Amino acid sequence: MTSEPQRLQYLEAMGLTAWVARYALPNARPTEACDWAPPETPAAEPPGERLHALLDEAAKAPAPRPAESAQERVERPQRPGKARALLGEVPTEEGAPTATPPAEPEAPREALRFAFQVACLEGRWLLLLPGRQAPGRSELALLGNLLRAAGIPAGVPGFEAFRWPLEEGLPVTAPLEEAREGLQAFVAGAHRRGWAPERLLVFGGDEVLERVLTLEAGQCPLLGLPAWQGPALGELAGSAEAKRALLPRLDEWRRAWQATTGEAEGDD
């Protein structure tokens, strides 16, 4: 907003005379008339030149700007606002912190499902029977006969059930890895009961369990044990051919059991 002195200067520069009304006060003594000597003033500039001079001074003087021009808005570098920052947009300026887009949560997956019956011969050999059903009397009797034929004096141990998952409804992101970790944790926890597995014998097959155990070339890399997998006890009980095919394996079991037993007795 233009001030009053500045307005009078503009009017004078344009050659317009500013008139000021004067009123005599009631009952006031009249002012004495006198001749006033005109002050010596430099030659006045033409009104046009004075007006341009005032405009130049006004352009040089800093003045508050209520709003920026359209050109300034175009030339001004764009900066990401708070809304854009919250949306995860990355600033283009160098040195500015970059916002990392939030990672999408991984969709839950279905857990692997398997079960088996497990026992440990004298705490040394793991016996696994895939399935939820515990072995019957005939199957346990057959197992005892196989162990005696292999020269293993240990009696038939008691079996216990293991199933995976341990609890329903838990979130699953890596089914195979979580199942393997669960099985490893079960075997490691059995050490407190005196289990120190040296070999793994699996009677029967289960596709999911085989993926978890990763049996290959007579080894179980998951548990770090020599491993064997053969027919289920029920199949052996009803097949003479399956029994004959198992005879060479019984001799191998005898040597393996006696070798480890001899080492233990020698240490004592």
Protein backbone atom coordinates (compact mmCIF):
# COMPACT_ATOMS: atom_id res chain seq x y z
CA MET A 1 0.00 0.00 0.00
CA THR A 2 1.36 3.48 -1.00
CA SER A 3 2.01 5.84 1.94
CA GLU A 4 0.68 9.41 1.98
CA PRO A 5 4.11 11.13 1.51
CA GLN A 6 4.90 8.83 -1.38
CA ARG A 7 1.50 9.56 -2.93
CA LEU A 8 2.13 13.32 -2.75
CA GLN A 9 5.52 12.80 -4.40
CA TYR A 10 3.92 10.94 -7.27
CA LEU A 11 1.32 13.68 -7.72
CA GLU A 12 3.96 16.39 -7.67
CA ALA A 13 6.13 14.46 -10.17
CA MET A 14 3.16 14.23 -12.53
CA GLY A 15 2.64 18.00 -12.32
CA LEU A 16 -0.49 17.83 -10.19
CA THR A 17 -0.84 20.38 -7.37
CA ALA A 18 -1.97 19.02 -4.04
CA TRP A 19 -4.37 21.42 -2.32
CA VAL A 20 -4.77 21.43 1.46
CA ALA A 21 -7.82 23.12 2.96
CA ARG A 22 -7.23 25.49 5.83
CA TYR A 23 -9.93 26.61 8.33
CA ALA A 24 -9.80 29.53 10.73
CA LEU A 25 -10.45 28.62 14.30
CA PRO A 26 -13.40 30.39 15.99
CA ASN A 27 -12.46 33.51 18.03
CA ALA A 28 -8.83 33.18 16.92
CA ARG A 29 -6.75 36.29 16.20
CA PRO A 30 -6.23 36.72 12.51
CA THR A 31 -2.82 35.88 11.21
CA GLU A 32 -0.69 38.86 10.28
CA ALA A 33 0.01 39.18 6.63
CA CYS A 34 3.63 39.21 5.56
CA ASP A 35 5.75 38.67 2.55
CA TRP A 36 7.62 35.42 2.57
CA ALA A 37 10.84 35.18 0.64
CA PRO A 38 10.65 32.21 -1.67
CA PRO A 39 13.36 29.65 -0.82
CA GLU A 40 16.08 29.04 -3.27
CA THR A 41 15.40 25.71 -4.88
CA PRO A 42 17.20 24.01 -7.73
CA ALA A 43 15.55 23.97 -11.09
CA ALA A 44 12.78 21.47 -11.00
CA GLU A 45 13.07 18.50 -13.26
CA PRO A 46 10.39 17.97 -15.85
CA PRO A 47 7.47 15.97 -14.37
CA GLY A 48 8.02 13.07 -16.76
CA GLU A 49 11.67 12.59 -15.76
CA ARG A 50 10.84 12.82 -12.05
CA LEU A 51 8.11 10.21 -12.43
CA HIS A 52 10.49 7.75 -14.16
CA ALA A 53 13.10 8.34 -11.45
CA LEU A 54 10.60 7.50 -8.73
CA LEU A 55 9.54 4.36 -10.58
CA ASP A 56 13.19 3.26 -10.90
CA GLU A 57 13.75 3.75 -7.17
CA ALA A 58 10.64 1.77 -6.37
CA ALA A 59 11.82 -1.09 -8.58
CA LYS A 60 15.23 -1.20 -6.84
CA ALA A 61 13.82 -1.13 -3.32
CA PRO A 62 12.93 -4.56 -1.85
CA ALA A 63 9.25 -4.93 -1.33
CA PRO A 64 7.22 -7.80 0.15
CA ARG A 65 5.61 -10.05 -2.42
CA PRO A 66 2.23 -11.45 -1.49
CA ALA A 67 2.50 -14.28 -4.04
CA GLU A 68 5.04 -15.54 -6.54
CA SER A 69 4.54 -15.13 -10.25
CA ALA A 70 3.69 -17.91 -12.65
CA GLN A 71 7.20 -17.80 -14.13
CA GLU A 72 8.76 -18.13 -10.67
CA ARG A 73 6.60 -21.14 -9.95
CA VAL A 74 7.86 -22.78 -13.14
CA GLU A 75 11.54 -21.93 -12.52
CA ARG A 76 11.47 -22.89 -8.83
CA PRO A 77 12.85 -26.44 -8.30
CA GLN A 78 10.22 -28.89 -7.24
CA ARG A 79 10.45 -30.22 -3.70
CA PRO A 80 8.54 -33.24 -2.46
CA GLY A 81 5.86 -32.21 0.00
CA LYS A 82 4.83 -34.05 3.12
CA ALA A 83 2.04 -35.84 1.32
CA ARG A 84 4.46 -37.13 -1.36
CA ALA A 85 6.94 -38.18 1.33
CA LEU A 86 4.26 -40.15 3.14
CA LEU A 87 3.41 -41.90 -0.12
CA GLY A 88 7.03 -43.11 -0.36
CA GLU A 89 8.11 -41.04 -3.38
CA VAL A 90 11.88 -40.59 -3.64
CA PRO A 91 13.19 -36.96 -3.86
CA THR A 92 15.23 -36.04 -6.93
CA GLU A 93 17.57 -33.63 -5.12
CA GLU A 94 21.09 -34.82 -4.39
CA GLY A 95 21.84 -35.41 -0.73
CA ALA A 96 18.16 -35.58 0.21
CA PRO A 97 17.10 -38.68 2.17
CA THR A 98 15.43 -41.27 0.02
CA ALA A 99 12.30 -42.94 1.25
CA THR A 100 12.32 -46.71 0.87
CA PRO A 101 8.99 -48.13 -0.23
CA PRO A 102 7.54 -50.35 2.51
CA ALA A 103 8.03 -54.06 1.87
CA GLU A 104 4.87 -55.93 1.14
CA PRO A 105 4.11 -58.59 3.74
CA GLU A 106 4.64 -62.10 2.43
CA ALA A 107 1.44 -64.01 1.92
CA PRO A 108 0.94 -66.89 4.37
CA ARG A 109 1.47 -70.38 2.96
CA GLU A 110 0.27 -73.86 3.81
CA ALA A 111 2.40 -75.88 6.21
CA LEU A 112 3.79 -79.28 5.23
CA ARG A 113 1.97 -82.12 6.92
CA PHE A 114 3.51 -85.41 7.91
CA ALA A 115 3.69 -87.77 10.87
CA PHE A 116 5.79 -90.73 11.97
CA GLN A 117 6.46 -93.08 14.87
CA VAL A 118 9.99 -92.88 16.25
CA ALA A 119 12.16 -94.91 18.62
CA CYS A 120 15.86 -95.06 19.42
CA LEU A 121 17.75 -98.36 19.91
CA GLU A 122 19.76 -97.97 23.12
CA GLY A 123 19.91 -94.26 22.32
CA ARG A 124 22.05 -94.96 19.23
CA TRP A 125 19.94 -95.89 16.20
CA LEU A 126 16.84 -93.96 15.17
CA LEU A 127 13.92 -96.04 13.88
CA LEU A 128 11.25 -94.15 11.89
CA LEU A 129 7.89 -95.56 10.78
CA PRO A 130 6.04 -93.02 8.59
CA GLY A 131 2.35 -92.56 9.40
CA ARG A 132 0.09 -91.60 12.27
CA GLN A 133 -0.75 -95.17 13.29
CA ALA A 134 1.42 -96.82 15.92
CA PRO A 135 2.92 -100.24 14.99
CA GLY A 136 0.84 -103.27 15.94
CA ARG A 137 1.95 -106.40 17.73
CA SER A 138 2.77 -108.29 14.55
CA GLU A 139 4.89 -105.43 13.26
CA LEU A 140 6.76 -105.10 16.55
CA ALA A 141 7.38 -108.86 16.59
CA LEU A 142 8.77 -108.70 13.06
CA LEU A 143 11.05 -105.84 14.03
CA GLY A 144 12.37 -107.81 17.00
CA ASN A 145 13.13 -110.79 14.74
CA LEU A 146 15.00 -108.55 12.28
CA LEU A 147 17.15 -107.07 15.03
CA ARG A 148 18.03 -110.51 16.43
CA ALA A 149 18.89 -111.75 12.94
CA ALA A 150 21.23 -108.76 12.59
CA GLY A 151 22.96 -109.63 15.85
CA ILE A 152 21.61 -106.58 17.67
CA PRO A 153 20.78 -107.68 21.24
CA ALA A 154 18.76 -104.60 22.05
CA GLY A 155 15.11 -105.27 22.65
CA VAL A 156 12.33 -103.56 20.70
CA PRO A 157 12.07 -100.01 22.05
CA GLY A 158 8.85 -98.13 22.66
CA PHE A 159 7.70 -95.82 19.87
CA GLU A 160 6.35 -92.32 20.24
CA ALA A 161 4.45 -90.21 17.74
CA PHE A 162 5.64 -87.05 16.05
CA ARG A 163 3.51 -84.90 13.75
CA TRP A 164 4.04 -81.67 11.88
CA PRO A 165 2.89 -78.97 12.26
CA LEU A 166 2.97 -79.09 16.03
CA GLU A 167 0.12 -76.58 16.27
CA GLU A 168 -2.53 -75.59 13.79
CA GLY A 169 -3.19 -72.02 12.72
CA LEU A 170 0.34 -70.67 13.01
CA PRO A 171 1.59 -68.46 10.14
CA VAL A 172 3.89 -70.20 7.66
CA THR A 173 6.27 -68.43 5.26
CA ALA A 174 8.80 -71.18 4.38
CA PRO A 175 7.08 -74.58 4.75
CA LEU A 176 10.03 -76.84 3.93
CA GLU A 177 12.61 -74.93 5.95
CA GLU A 178 10.32 -74.67 8.96
CA ALA A 179 9.54 -78.40 8.86
CA ARG A 180 13.23 -79.28 8.74
CA GLU A 181 14.01 -76.96 11.63
CA GLY A 182 11.18 -78.52 13.64
CA LEU A 183 12.49 -82.04 13.07
CA GLN A 184 16.03 -81.01 13.94
CA ALA A 185 14.79 -79.37 17.14
CA PHE A 186 12.92 -82.56 18.11
CA VAL A 187 16.00 -84.75 17.69
CA ALA A 188 18.22 -82.22 19.48
CA GLY A 189 15.77 -82.07 22.38
CA ALA A 190 15.83 -85.86 22.69
CA HIS A 191 19.48 -85.65 23.74
CA ARG A 192 18.17 -84.81 27.21
CA ARG A 193 16.62 -88.28 27.30
CA GLY A 194 19.92 -89.92 26.40
CA TRP A 195 19.51 -90.06 22.63
CA ALA A 196 22.76 -89.79 20.67
CA PRO A 197 21.81 -91.00 17.18
CA GLU A 198 24.48 -92.68 15.07
CA ARG A 199 22.31 -94.15 12.27
CA LEU A 200 18.81 -93.77 10.82
CA LEU A 201 16.55 -96.64 9.70
CA VAL A 202 13.29 -95.76 7.92
CA PHE A 203 10.69 -98.50 7.40
CA GLY A 204 8.20 -97.32 4.80
CA GLY A 205 7.80 -94.30 2.57
CA ASP A 206 6.11 -90.93 2.73
CA GLU A 207 6.60 -88.32 0.03
CA VAL A 208 6.47 -85.30 2.33
CA LEU A 209 8.72 -86.88 4.98
CA GLU A 210 11.25 -87.86 2.34
CA ARG A 211 11.41 -84.22 1.16
CA VAL A 212 12.11 -83.13 4.71
CA LEU A 213 14.74 -85.79 5.44
CA THR A 214 16.39 -85.46 1.98
CA LEU A 215 17.62 -89.05 1.99
CA GLU A 216 20.24 -89.56 -0.72
CA ALA A 217 23.12 -91.97 -1.33
CA GLY A 218 22.71 -93.68 2.05
CA GLN A 219 22.89 -90.41 3.97
CA CYS A 220 20.53 -88.05 5.76
CA PRO A 221 22.10 -84.59 5.39
CA LEU A 222 19.44 -83.01 7.58
CA LEU A 223 20.49 -85.01 10.65
CA GLY A 224 24.04 -85.76 9.50
CA LEU A 225 23.58 -89.56 9.85
CA PRO A 226 24.07 -92.65 7.67
CA ALA A 227 20.59 -93.66 6.58
CA TRP A 228 18.68 -96.60 5.14
CA GLN A 229 15.11 -96.71 3.83
CA GLY A 230 13.26 -99.89 3.04
CA PRO A 231 9.79 -101.42 2.92
CA ALA A 232 7.30 -100.85 5.70
CA LEU A 233 7.03 -103.49 8.43
CA GLY A 234 3.56 -104.42 7.23
CA GLU A 235 4.89 -105.02 3.71
CA LEU A 236 7.77 -107.12 5.03
CA ALA A 237 5.39 -109.23 7.10
CA GLY A 238 3.34 -110.18 4.06
CA SER A 239 6.11 -110.64 1.45
CA ALA A 240 8.70 -113.41 1.51
CA GLU A 241 10.50 -111.77 -1.41
CA ALA A 242 10.88 -108.53 0.55
CA LYS A 243 12.37 -110.49 3.47
CA ARG A 244 14.94 -112.21 1.23
CA ALA A 245 15.95 -108.88 -0.29
CA LEU A 246 16.59 -107.53 3.20
CA LEU A 247 18.99 -110.32 4.27
CA PRO A 248 22.18 -108.65 2.87
CA ARG A 249 21.22 -105.48 4.70
CA LEU A 250 20.99 -107.34 8.02
CA ASP A 251 24.62 -108.40 7.73
CA GLU A 252 25.59 -104.78 7.13
CA TRP A 253 23.68 -103.72 10.24
CA ARG A 254 25.52 -106.38 12.30
CA ARG A 255 28.93 -105.05 11.32
CA ALA A 256 27.92 -101.46 11.92
CA TRP A 257 26.47 -102.21 15.36
CA GLN A 258 29.45 -104.31 16.48
CA ALA A 259 31.91 -101.71 15.20
CA THR A 260 30.48 -98.93 17.28
CA THR A 261 29.97 -101.22 20.31
CA GLY A 262 33.61 -102.36 20.16
CA GLU A 263 34.81 -98.78 20.08
CA ALA A 264 32.71 -97.95 23.10
CA GLU A 265 33.96 -100.97 25.08
CA GLY A 266 37.56 -100.20 24.11
CA ASP A 267 37.19 -96.70 25.47
CA ASP A 268 36.04 -98.03 28.82
